[in-house]
Amino acid sequence: MGFYLHETPGRLRLKIPGLKRNVVLAEELTLLLHEKQGIDSIEVNALTGSIKVNFDESQVTSSTLLNLLSQEGHVDLAKLVSSSKYMDTMFFKAGRVASKAIMGLALDKALEGSSLSIIAALI
């Protein structure tokens, strides 16, 4: 998965693959973002690889923060996956799995008791 992004007014949440179990990077990101004017709070979780930044929108924007993280080599903007795109992908995958299961049940029912079911069982 790429870099997961969720934005709301005054808050930016990112999952950064390289941050997972990387305490040194967690400290580096915290120091980097604390230097920026308008940051209210920063929560970095090295266990999950996520970072949450609360900020004053009158002083800084989420785009500015993302560009800063990109310039420092921590985020690849081309690989950002928004929360809506992430959810669309998950629903698509769940739908594909569900449709395969339904087709499997329908085929089992259709072949039940037939000579084809005996052949299918042997294969």
C-alpha atoms as a PDB file:
ATOM      1  CA  MET A   1       0.000   0.000   0.000  1.00  0.00           C
ATOM      2  CA  GLY A   2       1.090   3.589  -0.607  1.00  0.00           C
ATOM      3  CA  PHE A   3       0.888   6.490   1.768  1.00  0.00           C
ATOM      4  CA  TYR A   4      -2.605   6.673   3.301  1.00  0.00           C
ATOM      5  CA  LEU A   5      -3.932  10.220   3.686  1.00  0.00           C
ATOM      6  CA  HIS A   6      -6.933  11.518   5.582  1.00  0.00           C
ATOM      7  CA  GLU A   7      -7.598  15.233   5.767  1.00  0.00           C
ATOM      8  CA  THR A   8     -10.137  17.258   7.690  1.00  0.00           C
ATOM      9  CA  PRO A   9     -10.024  20.996   8.376  1.00  0.00           C
ATOM     10  CA  GLY A  10      -7.072  21.610  10.680  1.00  0.00           C
ATOM     11  CA  ARG A  11      -6.003  17.967  10.816  1.00  0.00           C
ATOM     12  CA  LEU A  12      -3.822  15.750   8.679  1.00  0.00           C
ATOM     13  CA  ARG A  13      -3.411  12.017   9.235  1.00  0.00           C
ATOM     14  CA  LEU A  14      -0.867   9.968   7.318  1.00  0.00           C
ATOM     15  CA  LYS A  15       0.299   6.390   7.318  1.00  0.00           C
ATOM     16  CA  ILE A  16       3.893   6.246   6.188  1.00  0.00           C
ATOM     17  CA  PRO A  17       5.216   2.744   5.408  1.00  0.00           C
ATOM     18  CA  GLY A  18       8.802   3.585   6.453  1.00  0.00           C
ATOM     19  CA  LEU A  19       7.615   4.917   9.815  1.00  0.00           C
ATOM     20  CA  LYS A  20       6.315   1.570  11.056  1.00  0.00           C
ATOM     21  CA  ARG A  21       8.555   0.345  13.923  1.00  0.00           C
ATOM     22  CA  ASN A  22      11.006   3.183  13.229  1.00  0.00           C
ATOM     23  CA  VAL A  23      11.408   5.240  16.421  1.00  0.00           C
ATOM     24  CA  VAL A  24      14.278   7.281  14.960  1.00  0.00           C
ATOM     25  CA  LEU A  25      12.112   8.421  12.037  1.00  0.00           C
ATOM     26  CA  ALA A  26       9.236   9.155  14.427  1.00  0.00           C
ATOM     27  CA  GLU A  27      11.485  11.536  16.378  1.00  0.00           C
ATOM     28  CA  GLU A  28      12.812  13.097  13.164  1.00  0.00           C
ATOM     29  CA  LEU A  29       9.290  13.769  11.862  1.00  0.00           C
ATOM     30  CA  THR A  30       8.232  15.240  15.193  1.00  0.00           C
ATOM     31  CA  LEU A  31      11.200  17.640  15.221  1.00  0.00           C
ATOM     32  CA  LEU A  32      10.687  18.572  11.567  1.00  0.00           C
ATOM     33  CA  LEU A  33       7.012  19.399  11.990  1.00  0.00           C
ATOM     34  CA  HIS A  34       7.479  21.232  15.305  1.00  0.00           C
ATOM     35  CA  GLU A  35       9.658  23.737  13.420  1.00  0.00           C
ATOM     36  CA  LYS A  36       6.686  24.735  11.254  1.00  0.00           C
ATOM     37  CA  GLN A  37       4.624  27.723  12.392  1.00  0.00           C
ATOM     38  CA  GLY A  38       0.953  26.935  13.113  1.00  0.00           C
ATOM     39  CA  ILE A  39       1.334  23.344  14.328  1.00  0.00           C
ATOM     40  CA  ASP A  40      -0.870  22.761  17.385  1.00  0.00           C
ATOM     41  CA  SER A  41      -0.002  19.132  18.099  1.00  0.00           C
ATOM     42  CA  ILE A  42       1.732  16.131  16.591  1.00  0.00           C
ATOM     43  CA  GLU A  43       1.071  12.492  17.411  1.00  0.00           C
ATOM     44  CA  VAL A  44       3.448   9.974  15.888  1.00  0.00           C
ATOM     45  CA  ASN A  45       2.825   6.264  16.351  1.00  0.00           C
ATOM     46  CA  ALA A  46       5.833   4.215  15.251  1.00  0.00           C
ATOM     47  CA  LEU A  47       3.988   0.988  16.057  1.00  0.00           C
ATOM     48  CA  THR A  48       1.352   1.611  13.369  1.00  0.00           C
ATOM     49  CA  GLY A  49       3.385   3.933  11.157  1.00  0.00           C
ATOM     50  CA  SER A  50       0.926   6.792  11.473  1.00  0.00           C
ATOM     51  CA  ILE A  51       1.199  10.474  12.178  1.00  0.00           C
ATOM     52  CA  LYS A  52      -1.537  12.945  13.075  1.00  0.00           C
ATOM     53  CA  VAL A  53      -0.950  16.684  12.880  1.00  0.00           C
ATOM     54  CA  ASN A  54      -3.392  19.262  14.213  1.00  0.00           C
ATOM     55  CA  PHE A  55      -2.725  22.726  12.864  1.00  0.00           C
ATOM     56  CA  ASP A  56      -4.066  26.261  12.596  1.00  0.00           C
ATOM     57  CA  GLU A  57      -5.392  26.666   9.054  1.00  0.00           C
ATOM     58  CA  SER A  58      -4.811  30.412   9.156  1.00  0.00           C
ATOM     59  CA  GLN A  59      -1.056  29.792   9.484  1.00  0.00           C
ATOM     60  CA  VAL A  60      -0.371  26.587   7.554  1.00  0.00           C
ATOM     61  CA  THR A  61      -2.170  24.272   5.119  1.00  0.00           C
ATOM     62  CA  SER A  62      -2.156  20.520   4.737  1.00  0.00           C
ATOM     63  CA  SER A  63      -0.606  20.981   1.262  1.00  0.00           C
ATOM     64  CA  THR A  64       2.296  22.896   2.815  1.00  0.00           C
ATOM     65  CA  LEU A  65       2.849  20.099   5.330  1.00  0.00           C
ATOM     66  CA  LEU A  66       2.664  17.404   2.660  1.00  0.00           C
ATOM     67  CA  ASN A  67       5.121  19.311   0.472  1.00  0.00           C
ATOM     68  CA  LEU A  68       7.509  19.680   3.414  1.00  0.00           C
ATOM     69  CA  LEU A  69       7.355  15.949   4.140  1.00  0.00           C
ATOM     70  CA  SER A  70       7.841  15.230   0.442  1.00  0.00           C
ATOM     71  CA  GLN A  71      10.840  17.569   0.104  1.00  0.00           C
ATOM     72  CA  GLU A  72      12.485  15.861   3.073  1.00  0.00           C
ATOM     73  CA  GLY A  73      11.936  12.458   1.421  1.00  0.00           C
ATOM     74  CA  HIS A  74       9.391  11.096   3.903  1.00  0.00           C
ATOM     75  CA  VAL A  75       6.314  11.048   1.642  1.00  0.00           C
ATOM     76  CA  ASP A  76       5.948  10.241  -2.039  1.00  0.00           C
ATOM     77  CA  LEU A  77       3.099  12.476  -3.207  1.00  0.00           C
ATOM     78  CA  ALA A  78       2.545  10.258  -6.270  1.00  0.00           C
ATOM     79  CA  LYS A  79       1.720   7.333  -3.973  1.00  0.00           C
ATOM     80  CA  LEU A  80      -0.762   9.153  -1.722  1.00  0.00           C
ATOM     81  CA  VAL A  81      -4.033   7.283  -1.322  1.00  0.00           C
ATOM     82  CA  SER A  82      -6.910   9.368   0.023  1.00  0.00           C
ATOM     83  CA  SER A  83      -9.351   7.894   2.508  1.00  0.00           C
ATOM     84  CA  SER A  84     -12.160   7.845  -0.083  1.00  0.00           C
ATOM     85  CA  LYS A  85      -9.973   6.075  -2.656  1.00  0.00           C
ATOM     86  CA  TYR A  86      -8.819   3.632   0.028  1.00  0.00           C
ATOM     87  CA  MET A  87     -12.429   2.844   0.958  1.00  0.00           C
ATOM     88  CA  ASP A  88     -13.401   2.421  -2.716  1.00  0.00           C
ATOM     89  CA  THR A  89     -10.559  -0.075  -3.136  1.00  0.00           C
ATOM     90  CA  MET A  90     -11.578  -2.005  -0.016  1.00  0.00           C
ATOM     91  CA  PHE A  91     -15.245  -2.152  -1.078  1.00  0.00           C
ATOM     92  CA  PHE A  92     -14.212  -3.334  -4.548  1.00  0.00           C
ATOM     93  CA  LYS A  93     -12.072  -6.121  -3.058  1.00  0.00           C
ATOM     94  CA  ALA A  94     -14.830  -7.126  -0.633  1.00  0.00           C
ATOM     95  CA  GLY A  95     -17.364  -7.197  -3.488  1.00  0.00           C
ATOM     96  CA  ARG A  96     -15.085  -9.396  -5.578  1.00  0.00           C
ATOM     97  CA  VAL A  97     -14.635 -11.860  -2.705  1.00  0.00           C
ATOM     98  CA  ALA A  98     -18.388 -11.893  -1.996  1.00  0.00           C
ATOM     99  CA  SER A  99     -19.270 -12.479  -5.659  1.00  0.00           C
ATOM    100  CA  LYS A 100     -16.837 -15.414  -5.855  1.00  0.00           C
ATOM    101  CA  ALA A 101     -18.390 -16.931  -2.746  1.00  0.00           C
ATOM    102  CA  ILE A 102     -21.914 -16.537  -4.125  1.00  0.00           C
ATOM    103  CA  MET A 103     -20.912 -18.068  -7.465  1.00  0.00           C
ATOM    104  CA  GLY A 104     -19.270 -20.957  -5.637  1.00  0.00           C
ATOM    105  CA  LEU A 105     -22.444 -21.608  -3.632  1.00  0.00           C
ATOM    106  CA  ALA A 106     -24.586 -21.397  -6.763  1.00  0.00           C
ATOM    107  CA  LEU A 107     -22.338 -23.868  -8.608  1.00  0.00           C
ATOM    108  CA  ASP A 108     -22.316 -26.241  -5.634  1.00  0.00           C
ATOM    109  CA  LYS A 109     -26.114 -26.153  -5.547  1.00  0.00           C
ATOM    110  CA  ALA A 110     -26.399 -26.582  -9.333  1.00  0.00           C
ATOM    111  CA  LEU A 111     -24.020 -29.557  -9.382  1.00  0.00           C
ATOM    112  CA  GLU A 112     -25.392 -31.161  -6.248  1.00  0.00           C
ATOM    113  CA  GLY A 113     -26.128 -34.848  -6.809  1.00  0.00           C
ATOM    114  CA  SER A 114     -25.072 -34.837 -10.447  1.00  0.00           C
ATOM    115  CA  SER A 115     -22.343 -36.820 -12.084  1.00  0.00           C
ATOM    116  CA  LEU A 116     -20.460 -33.562 -12.594  1.00  0.00           C
ATOM    117  CA  SER A 117     -20.265 -33.094  -8.814  1.00  0.00           C
ATOM    118  CA  ILE A 118     -18.606 -36.505  -8.475  1.00  0.00           C
ATOM    119  CA  ILE A 119     -16.089 -35.560 -11.186  1.00  0.00           C
ATOM    120  CA  ALA A 120     -15.492 -32.163  -9.549  1.00  0.00           C
ATOM    121  CA  ALA A 121     -14.910 -33.893  -6.207  1.00  0.00           C
ATOM    122  CA  LEU A 122     -12.327 -36.176  -7.750  1.00  0.00           C
ATOM    123  CA  ILE A 123     -10.471 -33.268  -9.309  1.00  0.00           C
END
